[in-house]
């Protein structure tokens, strides 16, 4: 049963990376951190030319606590 739960969580996070709301960063993080992360995300979008890759790079740049915040947000949608 645990494997199915893990699969569902991973699937939800990956699918979210392809279909997130416009201001997802601002909806998740406080104003100061959101501004910093929005700049990073915008730079990744420019660098890679697509937001899906930018989302994954943003995720890898987050601290463990912020990764958990993002995942919890997605799983509670």
PDB file of N, CA and C in Angstrom:
ATOM      1  N   UNK A   1       0.813  -1.185   0.000  1.00  0.00           N
ATOM      2  CA  UNK A   1       0.000   0.000   0.000  1.00  0.00           C
ATOM      3  C   UNK A   1       0.866   1.262   0.000  1.00  0.00           C
ATOM      4  N   UNK A   2       2.012   1.216   0.682  1.00  0.00           N
ATOM      5  CA  UNK A   2       2.909   2.374   0.754  1.00  0.00           C
ATOM      6  C   UNK A   2       3.410   2.759  -0.631  1.00  0.00           C
ATOM      7  N   UNK A   3       3.721   1.774  -1.479  1.00  0.00           N
ATOM      8  CA  UNK A   3       4.215   2.082  -2.821  1.00  0.00           C
ATOM      9  C   UNK A   3       3.188   2.850  -3.631  1.00  0.00           C
ATOM     10  N   UNK A   4       1.909   2.486  -3.517  1.00  0.00           N
ATOM     11  CA  UNK A   4       0.861   3.201  -4.233  1.00  0.00           C
ATOM     12  C   UNK A   4       0.746   4.634  -3.722  1.00  0.00           C
ATOM     13  N   UNK A   5       0.852   4.811  -2.416  1.00  0.00           N
ATOM     14  CA  UNK A   5       0.807   6.157  -1.837  1.00  0.00           C
ATOM     15  C   UNK A   5       1.967   6.989  -2.347  1.00  0.00           C
ATOM     16  N   UNK A   6       3.167   6.418  -2.362  1.00  0.00           N
ATOM     17  CA  UNK A   6       4.339   7.125  -2.880  1.00  0.00           C
ATOM     18  C   UNK A   6       4.163   7.456  -4.349  1.00  0.00           C
ATOM     19  N   UNK A   7       3.666   6.497  -5.121  1.00  0.00           N
ATOM     20  CA  UNK A   7       3.433   6.729  -6.546  1.00  0.00           C
ATOM     21  C   UNK A   7       2.471   7.892  -6.743  1.00  0.00           C
ATOM     22  N   UNK A   8       1.375   7.895  -6.006  1.00  0.00           N
ATOM     23  CA  UNK A   8       0.372   8.957  -6.148  1.00  0.00           C
ATOM     24  C   UNK A   8       0.953  10.322  -5.810  1.00  0.00           C
ATOM     25  N   UNK A   9       1.775  10.385  -4.768  1.00  0.00           N
ATOM     26  CA  UNK A   9       2.378  11.656  -4.370  1.00  0.00           C
ATOM     27  C   UNK A   9       3.355  12.142  -5.435  1.00  0.00           C
ATOM     28  N   UNK A  10       4.216  11.262  -5.908  1.00  0.00           N
ATOM     29  CA  UNK A  10       5.189  11.640  -6.936  1.00  0.00           C
ATOM     30  C   UNK A  10       4.471  12.053  -8.210  1.00  0.00           C
ATOM     31  N   UNK A  11       3.469  11.296  -8.603  1.00  0.00           N
ATOM     32  CA  UNK A  11       2.703  11.611  -9.805  1.00  0.00           C
ATOM     33  C   UNK A  11       2.042  12.986  -9.690  1.00  0.00           C
ATOM     34  N   UNK A  12       1.469  13.287  -8.537  1.00  0.00           N
ATOM     35  CA  UNK A  12       0.800  14.578  -8.350  1.00  0.00           C
ATOM     36  C   UNK A  12       1.795  15.734  -8.463  1.00  0.00           C
ATOM     37  N   UNK A  13       2.971  15.575  -7.877  1.00  0.00           N
ATOM     38  CA  UNK A  13       3.988  16.633  -7.941  1.00  0.00           C
ATOM     39  C   UNK A  13       4.472  16.833  -9.372  1.00  0.00           C
ATOM     40  N   UNK A  14       4.746  15.750 -10.078  1.00  0.00           N
ATOM     41  CA  UNK A  14       5.224  15.867 -11.465  1.00  0.00           C
ATOM     42  C   UNK A  14       4.145  16.475 -12.352  1.00  0.00           C
ATOM     43  N   UNK A  15       2.914  16.035 -12.217  1.00  0.00           N
ATOM     44  CA  UNK A  15       1.834  16.587 -13.027  1.00  0.00           C
ATOM     45  C   UNK A  15       1.625  18.073 -12.723  1.00  0.00           C
ATOM     46  N   UNK A  16       1.797  18.457 -11.460  1.00  0.00           N
ATOM     47  CA  UNK A  16       1.682  19.869 -11.080  1.00  0.00           C
ATOM     48  C   UNK A  16       2.732  20.706 -11.803  1.00  0.00           C
ATOM     49  N   UNK A  17       3.928  20.149 -11.993  1.00  0.00           N
ATOM     50  CA  UNK A  17       5.005  20.900 -12.650  1.00  0.00           C
ATOM     51  C   UNK A  17       4.655  21.244 -14.095  1.00  0.00           C
ATOM     52  N   UNK A  18       3.706  20.532 -14.671  1.00  0.00           N
ATOM     53  CA  UNK A  18       3.250  20.810 -16.034  1.00  0.00           C
ATOM     54  C   UNK A  18       1.977  21.640 -16.069  1.00  0.00           C
ATOM     55  N   UNK A  19       1.363  21.839 -14.896  1.00  0.00           N
ATOM     56  CA  UNK A  19       0.062  22.512 -14.878  1.00  0.00           C
ATOM     57  C   UNK A  19      -0.137  23.273 -13.568  1.00  0.00           C
ATOM     58  N   UNK A  20       0.774  24.166 -13.251  1.00  0.00           N
ATOM     59  CA  UNK A  20       0.687  24.938 -12.015  1.00  0.00           C
ATOM     60  C   UNK A  20      -0.043  26.253 -12.276  1.00  0.00           C
ATOM     61  N   UNK A  21      -0.567  26.852 -11.206  1.00  0.00           N
ATOM     62  CA  UNK A  21      -1.234  28.147 -11.344  1.00  0.00           C
ATOM     63  C   UNK A  21      -0.186  29.246 -11.538  1.00  0.00           C
ATOM     64  N   UNK A  22      -0.603  30.323 -12.164  1.00  0.00           N
ATOM     65  CA  UNK A  22       0.308  31.388 -12.571  1.00  0.00           C
ATOM     66  C   UNK A  22       1.168  31.908 -11.416  1.00  0.00           C
ATOM     67  N   UNK A  23       0.590  32.151 -10.289  1.00  0.00           N
ATOM     68  CA  UNK A  23       1.324  32.730  -9.150  1.00  0.00           C
ATOM     69  C   UNK A  23       1.572  31.683  -8.070  1.00  0.00           C
ATOM     70  N   UNK A  24       1.961  30.475  -8.484  1.00  0.00           N
ATOM     71  CA  UNK A  24       2.148  29.404  -7.511  1.00  0.00           C
ATOM     72  C   UNK A  24       3.211  29.757  -6.466  1.00  0.00           C
ATOM     73  N   UNK A  25       4.270  30.409  -6.868  1.00  0.00           N
ATOM     74  CA  UNK A  25       5.336  30.756  -5.922  1.00  0.00           C
ATOM     75  C   UNK A  25       4.791  31.716  -4.867  1.00  0.00           C
ATOM     76  N   UNK A  26       4.067  32.725  -5.306  1.00  0.00           N
ATOM     77  CA  UNK A  26       3.501  33.708  -4.391  1.00  0.00           C
ATOM     78  C   UNK A  26       2.421  33.095  -3.489  1.00  0.00           C
ATOM     79  N   UNK A  27       1.758  32.061  -3.959  1.00  0.00           N
ATOM     80  CA  UNK A  27       0.731  31.385  -3.163  1.00  0.00           C
ATOM     81  C   UNK A  27       1.334  30.500  -2.072  1.00  0.00           C
ATOM     82  N   UNK A  28       2.592  30.119  -2.240  1.00  0.00           N
ATOM     83  CA  UNK A  28       3.209  29.162  -1.326  1.00  0.00           C
ATOM     84  C   UNK A  28       4.123  29.834  -0.306  1.00  0.00           C
ATOM     85  N   UNK A  29       4.928  30.768  -0.752  1.00  0.00           N
ATOM     86  CA  UNK A  29       5.993  31.323   0.081  1.00  0.00           C
ATOM     87  C   UNK A  29       5.699  32.768   0.489  1.00  0.00           C
ATOM     88  N   UNK A  30       6.324  33.197   1.593  1.00  0.00           N
ATOM     89  CA  UNK A  30       6.128  34.576   2.053  1.00  0.00           C
ATOM     90  C   UNK A  30       6.695  35.556   1.025  1.00  0.00           C
ATOM     91  N   UNK A  31       6.331  36.809   1.171  1.00  0.00           N
ATOM     92  CA  UNK A  31       6.590  37.824   0.144  1.00  0.00           C
ATOM     93  C   UNK A  31       8.063  37.946  -0.239  1.00  0.00           C
ATOM     94  N   UNK A  32       8.950  38.030   0.744  1.00  0.00           N
ATOM     95  CA  UNK A  32      10.372  38.210   0.449  1.00  0.00           C
ATOM     96  C   UNK A  32      10.940  36.995  -0.285  1.00  0.00           C
ATOM     97  N   UNK A  33      10.679  35.804   0.254  1.00  0.00           N
ATOM     98  CA  UNK A  33      11.182  34.583  -0.376  1.00  0.00           C
ATOM     99  C   UNK A  33      10.533  34.376  -1.734  1.00  0.00           C
ATOM    100  N   UNK A  34       9.258  34.686  -1.844  1.00  0.00           N
ATOM    101  CA  UNK A  34       8.554  34.533  -3.123  1.00  0.00           C
ATOM    102  C   UNK A  34       9.191  35.398  -4.205  1.00  0.00           C
ATOM    103  N   UNK A  35       9.551  36.611  -3.863  1.00  0.00           N
ATOM    104  CA  UNK A  35      10.184  37.496  -4.849  1.00  0.00           C
ATOM    105  C   UNK A  35      11.518  36.909  -5.310  1.00  0.00           C
ATOM    106  N   UNK A  36      12.302  36.418  -4.369  1.00  0.00           N
ATOM    107  CA  UNK A  36      13.588  35.800  -4.693  1.00  0.00           C
ATOM    108  C   UNK A  36      13.396  34.571  -5.597  1.00  0.00           C
ATOM    109  N   UNK A  37      12.448  33.719  -5.218  1.00  0.00           N
ATOM    110  CA  UNK A  37      12.206  32.499  -5.997  1.00  0.00           C
ATOM    111  C   UNK A  37      11.584  32.805  -7.360  1.00  0.00           C
ATOM    112  N   UNK A  38      10.742  33.817  -7.429  1.00  0.00           N
ATOM    113  CA  UNK A  38      10.155  34.219  -8.715  1.00  0.00           C
ATOM    114  C   UNK A  38      11.261  34.667  -9.675  1.00  0.00           C
ATOM    115  N   UNK A  39      12.239  35.411  -9.164  1.00  0.00           N
ATOM    116  CA  UNK A  39      13.366  35.830  -9.999  1.00  0.00           C
ATOM    117  C   UNK A  39      14.168  34.620 -10.484  1.00  0.00           C
ATOM    118  N   UNK A  40      14.416  33.676  -9.595  1.00  0.00           N
ATOM    119  CA  UNK A  40      15.137  32.460  -9.986  1.00  0.00           C
ATOM    120  C   UNK A  40      14.352  31.711 -11.063  1.00  0.00           C
ATOM    121  N   UNK A  41      13.040  31.555 -10.835  1.00  0.00           N
ATOM    122  CA  UNK A  41      12.199  30.817 -11.770  1.00  0.00           C
ATOM    123  C   UNK A  41      12.181  31.510 -13.138  1.00  0.00           C
ATOM    124  N   UNK A  42      12.051  32.817 -13.142  1.00  0.00           N
ATOM    125  CA  UNK A  42      12.055  33.571 -14.403  1.00  0.00           C
ATOM    126  C   UNK A  42      13.376  33.394 -15.139  1.00  0.00           C
ATOM    127  N   UNK A  43      14.469  33.431 -14.393  1.00  0.00           N
ATOM    128  CA  UNK A  43      15.778  33.212 -15.014  1.00  0.00           C
ATOM    129  C   UNK A  43      15.901  31.810 -15.586  1.00  0.00           C
ATOM    130  N   UNK A  44      15.403  30.821 -14.864  1.00  0.00           N
ATOM    131  CA  UNK A  44      15.426  29.446 -15.384  1.00  0.00           C
ATOM    132  C   UNK A  44      14.561  29.328 -16.640  1.00  0.00           C
ATOM    133  N   UNK A  45      13.408  29.969 -16.649  1.00  0.00           N
ATOM    134  CA  UNK A  45      12.540  29.931 -17.836  1.00  0.00           C
ATOM    135  C   UNK A  45      13.265  30.509 -19.049  1.00  0.00           C
ATOM    136  N   UNK A  46      13.945  31.619 -18.847  1.00  0.00           N
ATOM    137  CA  UNK A  46      14.706  32.240 -19.933  1.00  0.00           C
ATOM    138  C   UNK A  46      15.849  31.329 -20.368  1.00  0.00           C
ATOM    139  N   UNK A  47      16.546  30.790 -19.401  1.00  0.00           N
ATOM    140  CA  UNK A  47      17.711  29.933 -19.692  1.00  0.00           C
ATOM    141  C   UNK A  47      17.329  28.673 -20.456  1.00  0.00           C
ATOM    142  N   UNK A  48      16.243  28.017 -20.038  1.00  0.00           N
ATOM    143  CA  UNK A  48      15.884  26.723 -20.621  1.00  0.00           C
ATOM    144  C   UNK A  48      14.791  26.808 -21.678  1.00  0.00           C
ATOM    145  N   UNK A  49      14.111  27.935 -21.755  1.00  0.00           N
ATOM    146  CA  UNK A  49      13.101  28.110 -22.783  1.00  0.00           C
ATOM    147  C   UNK A  49      11.790  27.413 -22.529  1.00  0.00           C
ATOM    148  N   UNK A  50      11.630  26.820 -21.341  1.00  0.00           N
ATOM    149  CA  UNK A  50      10.332  26.232 -20.995  1.00  0.00           C
ATOM    150  C   UNK A  50      10.180  26.181 -19.484  1.00  0.00           C
ATOM    151  N   UNK A  51       8.946  26.253 -19.045  1.00  0.00           N
ATOM    152  CA  UNK A  51       8.680  26.354 -17.608  1.00  0.00           C
ATOM    153  C   UNK A  51       8.746  25.009 -16.895  1.00  0.00           C
ATOM    154  N   UNK A  52       8.573  23.904 -17.602  1.00  0.00           N
ATOM    155  CA  UNK A  52       8.648  22.600 -16.948  1.00  0.00           C
ATOM    156  C   UNK A  52      10.068  22.321 -16.453  1.00  0.00           C
ATOM    157  N   UNK A  53      11.050  22.581 -17.304  1.00  0.00           N
ATOM    158  CA  UNK A  53      12.440  22.418 -16.882  1.00  0.00           C
ATOM    159  C   UNK A  53      12.768  23.432 -15.790  1.00  0.00           C
ATOM    160  N   UNK A  54      12.271  24.650 -15.938  1.00  0.00           N
ATOM    161  CA  UNK A  54      12.503  25.685 -14.930  1.00  0.00           C
ATOM    162  C   UNK A  54      11.945  25.256 -13.576  1.00  0.00           C
ATOM    163  N   UNK A  55      10.762  24.642 -13.565  1.00  0.00           N
ATOM    164  CA  UNK A  55      10.152  24.172 -12.322  1.00  0.00           C
ATOM    165  C   UNK A  55      11.063  23.152 -11.645  1.00  0.00           C
ATOM    166  N   UNK A  56      11.591  22.210 -12.412  1.00  0.00           N
ATOM    167  CA  UNK A  56      12.457  21.178 -11.841  1.00  0.00           C
ATOM    168  C   UNK A  56      13.762  21.775 -11.318  1.00  0.00           C
ATOM    169  N   UNK A  57      14.324  22.713 -12.033  1.00  0.00           N
ATOM    170  CA  UNK A  57      15.540  23.372 -11.556  1.00  0.00           C
ATOM    171  C   UNK A  57      15.260  24.211 -10.312  1.00  0.00           C
ATOM    172  N   UNK A  58      14.121  24.875 -10.282  1.00  0.00           N
ATOM    173  CA  UNK A  58      13.755  25.625  -9.085  1.00  0.00           C
ATOM    174  C   UNK A  58      13.644  24.676  -7.898  1.00  0.00           C
ATOM    175  N   UNK A  59      12.993  23.549  -8.100  1.00  0.00           N
ATOM    176  CA  UNK A  59      12.843  22.563  -7.026  1.00  0.00           C
ATOM    177  C   UNK A  59      14.207  22.128  -6.492  1.00  0.00           C
ATOM    178  N   UNK A  60      15.132  21.837  -7.400  1.00  0.00           N
ATOM    179  CA  UNK A  60      16.446  21.365  -6.943  1.00  0.00           C
ATOM    180  C   UNK A  60      17.222  22.456  -6.208  1.00  0.00           C
ATOM    181  N   UNK A  61      16.897  23.719  -6.455  1.00  0.00           N
ATOM    182  CA  UNK A  61      17.592  24.831  -5.800  1.00  0.00           C
ATOM    183  C   UNK A  61      17.021  25.147  -4.420  1.00  0.00           C
ATOM    184  N   UNK A  62      15.868  24.590  -4.085  1.00  0.00           N
ATOM    185  CA  UNK A  62      15.235  24.876  -2.796  1.00  0.00           C
ATOM    186  C   UNK A  62      15.948  24.157  -1.654  1.00  0.00           C
ATOM    187  N   UNK A  63      15.879  24.746  -0.481  1.00  0.00           N
ATOM    188  CA  UNK A  63      16.353  24.060   0.729  1.00  0.00           C
ATOM    189  C   UNK A  63      15.397  22.903   1.026  1.00  0.00           C
ATOM    190  N   UNK A  64      15.811  22.007   1.885  1.00  0.00           N
ATOM    191  CA  UNK A  64      14.943  20.873   2.256  1.00  0.00           C
ATOM    192  C   UNK A  64      13.615  21.351   2.824  1.00  0.00           C
ATOM    193  N   UNK A  65      13.661  22.359   3.683  1.00  0.00           N
ATOM    194  CA  UNK A  65      12.418  22.881   4.270  1.00  0.00           C
ATOM    195  C   UNK A  65      11.500  23.460   3.203  1.00  0.00           C
ATOM    196  N   UNK A  66      12.059  24.193   2.255  1.00  0.00           N
ATOM    197  CA  UNK A  66      11.233  24.784   1.196  1.00  0.00           C
ATOM    198  C   UNK A  66      10.742  23.744   0.205  1.00  0.00           C
ATOM    199  N   UNK A  67      11.523  22.700  -0.017  1.00  0.00           N
ATOM    200  CA  UNK A  67      11.031  21.583  -0.840  1.00  0.00           C
ATOM    201  C   UNK A  67       9.812  20.964  -0.174  1.00  0.00           C
ATOM    202  N   UNK A  68       9.913  20.740   1.142  1.00  0.00           N
ATOM    203  CA  UNK A  68       8.790  20.157   1.877  1.00  0.00           C
ATOM    204  C   UNK A  68       7.572  21.066   1.839  1.00  0.00           C
ATOM    205  N   UNK A  69       7.779  22.369   1.949  1.00  0.00           N
ATOM    206  CA  UNK A  69       6.673  23.336   1.867  1.00  0.00           C
ATOM    207  C   UNK A  69       5.981  23.233   0.519  1.00  0.00           C
ATOM    208  N   UNK A  70       6.776  23.193  -0.553  1.00  0.00           N
ATOM    209  CA  UNK A  70       6.217  23.077  -1.900  1.00  0.00           C
ATOM    210  C   UNK A  70       5.450  21.778  -2.079  1.00  0.00           C
ATOM    211  N   UNK A  71       6.049  20.675  -1.668  1.00  0.00           N
ATOM    212  CA  UNK A  71       5.387  19.368  -1.802  1.00  0.00           C
ATOM    213  C   UNK A  71       4.099  19.322  -1.003  1.00  0.00           C
ATOM    214  N   UNK A  72       4.134  19.807   0.227  1.00  0.00           N
ATOM    215  CA  UNK A  72       2.914  19.807   1.051  1.00  0.00           C
ATOM    216  C   UNK A  72       1.815  20.637   0.398  1.00  0.00           C
ATOM    217  N   UNK A  73       2.183  21.775  -0.163  1.00  0.00           N
ATOM    218  CA  UNK A  73       1.207  22.608  -0.854  1.00  0.00           C
ATOM    219  C   UNK A  73       0.556  21.831  -1.999  1.00  0.00           C
ATOM    220  N   UNK A  74       1.389  21.198  -2.817  1.00  0.00           N
ATOM    221  CA  UNK A  74       0.881  20.456  -3.973  1.00  0.00           C
ATOM    222  C   UNK A  74      -0.003  19.298  -3.524  1.00  0.00           C
ATOM    223  N   UNK A  75       0.432  18.550  -2.548  1.00  0.00           N
ATOM    224  CA  UNK A  75      -0.333  17.368  -2.100  1.00  0.00           C
ATOM    225  C   UNK A  75      -1.644  17.741  -1.436  1.00  0.00           C
ATOM    226  N   UNK A  76      -1.739  18.968  -0.944  1.00  0.00           N
ATOM    227  CA  UNK A  76      -2.980  19.400  -0.282  1.00  0.00           C
ATOM    228  C   UNK A  76      -3.934  20.132  -1.215  1.00  0.00           C
ATOM    229  N   UNK A  77      -3.608  20.201  -2.492  1.00  0.00           N
ATOM    230  CA  UNK A  77      -4.527  20.835  -3.449  1.00  0.00           C
ATOM    231  C   UNK A  77      -5.743  19.971  -3.673  1.00  0.00           C
TER     232      UNK A  77
END
